Amino acid sequence: MAVMVEMHHTGCQPLVRAKIVIADALSDRPGDWRMTIVGSQANDGWEMHITGQNGFERTYALEGTAGEHEPRVIVSVVAKMVPRKAE
């Protein structure tokens, strides 16, 4: 299992901490995961794109004015989008 998190054009956020927190959120899922967050130069919106095993692919818009740039909020969104490991 591997998790890769990339963040581009997201400003002066504490990116290292955010990457670690987000990678931890995906680490208990089976398979390899890739997550990319790209910021907009036009507004405070970020686009999050997640790909994983069996053709899993999701995209989600993160709005800064709604507090969605916070690592804990991103982790919550990821937890709802990505299936957990079978118990």
N, C-alpha and C. Protein backbone atom coordinates (compact mmCIF):
# COMPACT_ATOMS: atom_id res chain seq x y z
N MET A 1 0.84 -1.19 0.00
CA MET A 1 0.00 0.00 0.00
C MET A 1 0.88 1.24 0.00
N ALA A 2 0.51 2.17 -0.83
CA ALA A 2 1.23 3.44 -0.89
C ALA A 2 0.22 4.57 -0.96
N VAL A 3 0.58 5.68 -0.36
CA VAL A 3 -0.25 6.88 -0.41
C VAL A 3 0.64 8.03 -0.88
N MET A 4 0.20 8.72 -1.93
CA MET A 4 0.93 9.89 -2.42
C MET A 4 -0.01 11.09 -2.35
N VAL A 5 0.44 12.15 -1.71
CA VAL A 5 -0.35 13.38 -1.60
C VAL A 5 0.46 14.51 -2.21
N GLU A 6 -0.12 15.20 -3.19
CA GLU A 6 0.52 16.36 -3.81
C GLU A 6 -0.37 17.58 -3.60
N MET A 7 0.25 18.73 -3.34
CA MET A 7 -0.49 19.97 -3.19
C MET A 7 0.20 21.04 -4.01
N HIS A 8 -0.55 21.74 -4.86
CA HIS A 8 -0.01 22.76 -5.73
C HIS A 8 -0.83 24.04 -5.63
N HIS A 9 -0.17 25.19 -5.60
CA HIS A 9 -0.83 26.50 -5.61
C HIS A 9 -1.84 26.65 -4.47
N THR A 10 -1.44 26.20 -3.29
CA THR A 10 -2.34 26.27 -2.15
C THR A 10 -1.95 27.35 -1.14
N GLY A 11 -1.00 28.19 -1.49
CA GLY A 11 -0.63 29.30 -0.62
C GLY A 11 0.30 28.92 0.50
N CYS A 12 0.24 29.68 1.57
CA CYS A 12 1.18 29.53 2.69
C CYS A 12 0.63 28.63 3.79
N GLN A 13 -0.10 27.64 3.43
CA GLN A 13 -0.66 26.72 4.43
C GLN A 13 0.46 25.86 5.01
N PRO A 14 0.27 25.29 6.20
CA PRO A 14 1.28 24.37 6.75
C PRO A 14 1.21 23.03 5.99
N LEU A 15 1.78 23.01 4.78
CA LEU A 15 1.59 21.89 3.86
C LEU A 15 2.16 20.58 4.35
N VAL A 16 3.30 20.59 5.00
CA VAL A 16 3.90 19.33 5.44
C VAL A 16 2.97 18.64 6.43
N ARG A 17 2.47 19.37 7.39
CA ARG A 17 1.56 18.80 8.38
C ARG A 17 0.29 18.31 7.71
N ALA A 18 -0.24 19.09 6.79
CA ALA A 18 -1.47 18.71 6.09
C ALA A 18 -1.27 17.43 5.30
N LYS A 19 -0.14 17.31 4.61
CA LYS A 19 0.14 16.11 3.83
C LYS A 19 0.20 14.88 4.71
N ILE A 20 0.83 15.00 5.86
CA ILE A 20 0.95 13.86 6.78
C ILE A 20 -0.42 13.46 7.30
N VAL A 21 -1.23 14.42 7.71
CA VAL A 21 -2.56 14.13 8.24
C VAL A 21 -3.43 13.47 7.17
N ILE A 22 -3.38 13.98 5.95
CA ILE A 22 -4.18 13.44 4.86
C ILE A 22 -3.70 12.05 4.48
N ALA A 23 -2.39 11.84 4.41
CA ALA A 23 -1.85 10.51 4.09
C ALA A 23 -2.27 9.50 5.14
N ASP A 24 -2.28 9.90 6.41
CA ASP A 24 -2.74 9.00 7.48
C ASP A 24 -4.20 8.61 7.30
N ALA A 25 -5.01 9.52 6.79
CA ALA A 25 -6.43 9.24 6.59
C ALA A 25 -6.63 8.16 5.53
N LEU A 26 -5.72 8.06 4.58
CA LEU A 26 -5.83 7.06 3.52
C LEU A 26 -5.06 5.78 3.82
N SER A 27 -4.17 5.81 4.78
CA SER A 27 -3.26 4.69 5.01
C SER A 27 -3.94 3.41 5.46
N ASP A 28 -5.14 3.50 6.05
CA ASP A 28 -5.81 2.27 6.48
C ASP A 28 -6.72 1.69 5.39
N ARG A 29 -6.72 2.31 4.22
CA ARG A 29 -7.50 1.80 3.09
C ARG A 29 -6.63 0.84 2.28
N PRO A 30 -7.20 -0.23 1.74
CA PRO A 30 -6.39 -1.16 0.96
C PRO A 30 -5.99 -0.55 -0.38
N GLY A 31 -4.84 -0.96 -0.91
CA GLY A 31 -4.41 -0.52 -2.23
C GLY A 31 -3.58 0.75 -2.20
N ASP A 32 -3.22 1.19 -3.39
CA ASP A 32 -2.44 2.40 -3.56
C ASP A 32 -3.37 3.58 -3.82
N TRP A 33 -3.05 4.74 -3.22
CA TRP A 33 -3.89 5.93 -3.33
C TRP A 33 -3.06 7.11 -3.76
N ARG A 34 -3.66 7.97 -4.55
CA ARG A 34 -3.02 9.22 -4.97
C ARG A 34 -4.03 10.34 -4.79
N MET A 35 -3.59 11.39 -4.13
CA MET A 35 -4.46 12.54 -3.89
C MET A 35 -3.72 13.79 -4.32
N THR A 36 -4.39 14.61 -5.11
CA THR A 36 -3.83 15.87 -5.57
C THR A 36 -4.78 16.99 -5.19
N ILE A 37 -4.24 18.05 -4.61
CA ILE A 37 -5.03 19.25 -4.32
C ILE A 37 -4.37 20.40 -5.08
N VAL A 38 -5.17 21.06 -5.90
CA VAL A 38 -4.67 22.17 -6.71
C VAL A 38 -5.50 23.42 -6.40
N GLY A 39 -4.80 24.48 -6.03
CA GLY A 39 -5.46 25.75 -5.74
C GLY A 39 -5.72 26.55 -6.99
N SER A 40 -6.65 27.47 -6.89
CA SER A 40 -7.00 28.35 -8.01
C SER A 40 -6.32 29.70 -7.82
N GLN A 41 -5.90 30.30 -8.91
CA GLN A 41 -5.34 31.65 -8.83
C GLN A 41 -6.46 32.69 -8.86
N ALA A 42 -7.66 32.28 -9.25
CA ALA A 42 -8.78 33.21 -9.39
C ALA A 42 -9.60 33.38 -8.11
N ASN A 43 -9.61 32.37 -7.24
CA ASN A 43 -10.42 32.44 -6.03
C ASN A 43 -9.82 31.55 -4.95
N ASP A 44 -10.55 31.34 -3.86
CA ASP A 44 -10.02 30.52 -2.76
C ASP A 44 -10.44 29.06 -2.87
N GLY A 45 -10.88 28.64 -4.03
CA GLY A 45 -11.27 27.25 -4.23
C GLY A 45 -10.09 26.36 -4.55
N TRP A 46 -10.11 25.16 -3.99
CA TRP A 46 -9.13 24.13 -4.30
C TRP A 46 -9.89 22.96 -4.90
N GLU A 47 -9.25 22.24 -5.82
CA GLU A 47 -9.85 21.02 -6.34
C GLU A 47 -9.06 19.83 -5.82
N MET A 48 -9.76 18.90 -5.19
CA MET A 48 -9.13 17.70 -4.66
C MET A 48 -9.52 16.53 -5.56
N HIS A 49 -8.52 15.78 -5.98
CA HIS A 49 -8.75 14.63 -6.86
C HIS A 49 -8.11 13.42 -6.20
N ILE A 50 -8.89 12.35 -6.02
CA ILE A 50 -8.41 11.13 -5.38
C ILE A 50 -8.57 9.96 -6.35
N THR A 51 -7.52 9.17 -6.53
CA THR A 51 -7.60 7.95 -7.31
C THR A 51 -7.08 6.80 -6.46
N GLY A 52 -7.63 5.61 -6.71
CA GLY A 52 -7.23 4.44 -5.93
C GLY A 52 -7.48 3.16 -6.69
N GLN A 53 -7.53 2.09 -5.95
CA GLN A 53 -7.66 0.76 -6.55
C GLN A 53 -9.00 0.55 -7.25
N ASN A 54 -9.02 -0.39 -8.16
CA ASN A 54 -10.23 -0.77 -8.90
C ASN A 54 -10.89 0.40 -9.63
N GLY A 55 -10.07 1.32 -10.14
CA GLY A 55 -10.60 2.44 -10.90
C GLY A 55 -11.29 3.51 -10.07
N PHE A 56 -11.08 3.52 -8.76
CA PHE A 56 -11.69 4.53 -7.89
C PHE A 56 -11.18 5.90 -8.29
N GLU A 57 -12.10 6.83 -8.46
CA GLU A 57 -11.74 8.20 -8.82
C GLU A 57 -12.83 9.15 -8.33
N ARG A 58 -12.44 10.16 -7.56
CA ARG A 58 -13.39 11.15 -7.06
C ARG A 58 -12.75 12.53 -7.12
N THR A 59 -13.58 13.53 -7.32
CA THR A 59 -13.14 14.92 -7.31
C THR A 59 -14.06 15.70 -6.38
N TYR A 60 -13.49 16.64 -5.64
CA TYR A 60 -14.27 17.42 -4.69
C TYR A 60 -13.72 18.85 -4.67
N ALA A 61 -14.58 19.83 -4.63
CA ALA A 61 -14.18 21.23 -4.54
C ALA A 61 -14.11 21.64 -3.07
N LEU A 62 -12.98 22.16 -2.65
CA LEU A 62 -12.77 22.62 -1.27
C LEU A 62 -12.79 24.14 -1.27
N GLU A 63 -13.72 24.72 -0.54
CA GLU A 63 -13.87 26.18 -0.49
C GLU A 63 -13.25 26.74 0.78
N GLY A 64 -12.33 27.66 0.61
CA GLY A 64 -11.65 28.26 1.75
C GLY A 64 -12.58 29.04 2.65
N THR A 65 -13.55 29.77 2.08
CA THR A 65 -14.48 30.55 2.89
C THR A 65 -15.38 29.67 3.74
N ALA A 66 -15.50 28.40 3.38
CA ALA A 66 -16.31 27.46 4.16
C ALA A 66 -15.45 26.68 5.15
N GLY A 67 -14.16 27.05 5.27
CA GLY A 67 -13.26 26.38 6.20
C GLY A 67 -12.74 25.04 5.71
N GLU A 68 -12.90 24.76 4.42
CA GLU A 68 -12.54 23.44 3.90
C GLU A 68 -11.06 23.30 3.54
N HIS A 69 -10.23 24.30 3.86
CA HIS A 69 -8.80 24.17 3.63
C HIS A 69 -8.08 23.65 4.86
N GLU A 70 -8.79 23.46 5.94
CA GLU A 70 -8.20 22.95 7.18
C GLU A 70 -7.97 21.45 7.05
N PRO A 71 -6.79 20.94 7.48
CA PRO A 71 -6.50 19.51 7.35
C PRO A 71 -7.58 18.61 7.95
N ARG A 72 -8.13 18.97 9.11
CA ARG A 72 -9.14 18.11 9.75
C ARG A 72 -10.41 18.03 8.90
N VAL A 73 -10.75 19.10 8.22
CA VAL A 73 -11.93 19.11 7.35
C VAL A 73 -11.66 18.25 6.12
N ILE A 74 -10.47 18.39 5.55
CA ILE A 74 -10.12 17.58 4.38
C ILE A 74 -10.15 16.10 4.74
N VAL A 75 -9.62 15.75 5.91
CA VAL A 75 -9.64 14.35 6.36
C VAL A 75 -11.07 13.86 6.49
N SER A 76 -11.96 14.68 7.02
CA SER A 76 -13.37 14.31 7.16
C SER A 76 -14.01 14.05 5.80
N VAL A 77 -13.72 14.90 4.83
CA VAL A 77 -14.25 14.73 3.48
C VAL A 77 -13.72 13.44 2.87
N VAL A 78 -12.41 13.19 3.03
CA VAL A 78 -11.81 11.97 2.49
C VAL A 78 -12.44 10.73 3.13
N ALA A 79 -12.67 10.78 4.43
CA ALA A 79 -13.27 9.63 5.12
C ALA A 79 -14.65 9.29 4.58
N LYS A 80 -15.38 10.29 4.14
CA LYS A 80 -16.71 10.06 3.57
C LYS A 80 -16.64 9.54 2.14
N MET A 81 -15.59 9.92 1.42
CA MET A 81 -15.47 9.59 -0.01
C MET A 81 -14.83 8.23 -0.28
N VAL A 82 -13.88 7.83 0.57
CA VAL A 82 -13.06 6.66 0.30
C VAL A 82 -13.50 5.49 1.19
N PRO A 83 -13.77 4.33 0.59
CA PRO A 83 -14.21 3.17 1.38
C PRO A 83 -13.12 2.69 2.34
N ARG A 84 -13.56 2.24 3.48
CA ARG A 84 -12.64 1.68 4.47
C ARG A 84 -12.30 0.25 4.13
N LYS A 85 -11.22 -0.23 4.76
CA LYS A 85 -10.81 -1.62 4.62
C LYS A 85 -11.91 -2.52 5.18
N ALA A 86 -12.19 -3.63 4.51
CA ALA A 86 -13.21 -4.58 5.01
C ALA A 86 -12.79 -5.10 6.36
N GLU A 87 -13.72 -5.13 7.28
CA GLU A 87 -13.43 -5.59 8.65
C GLU A 87 -13.47 -7.10 8.71
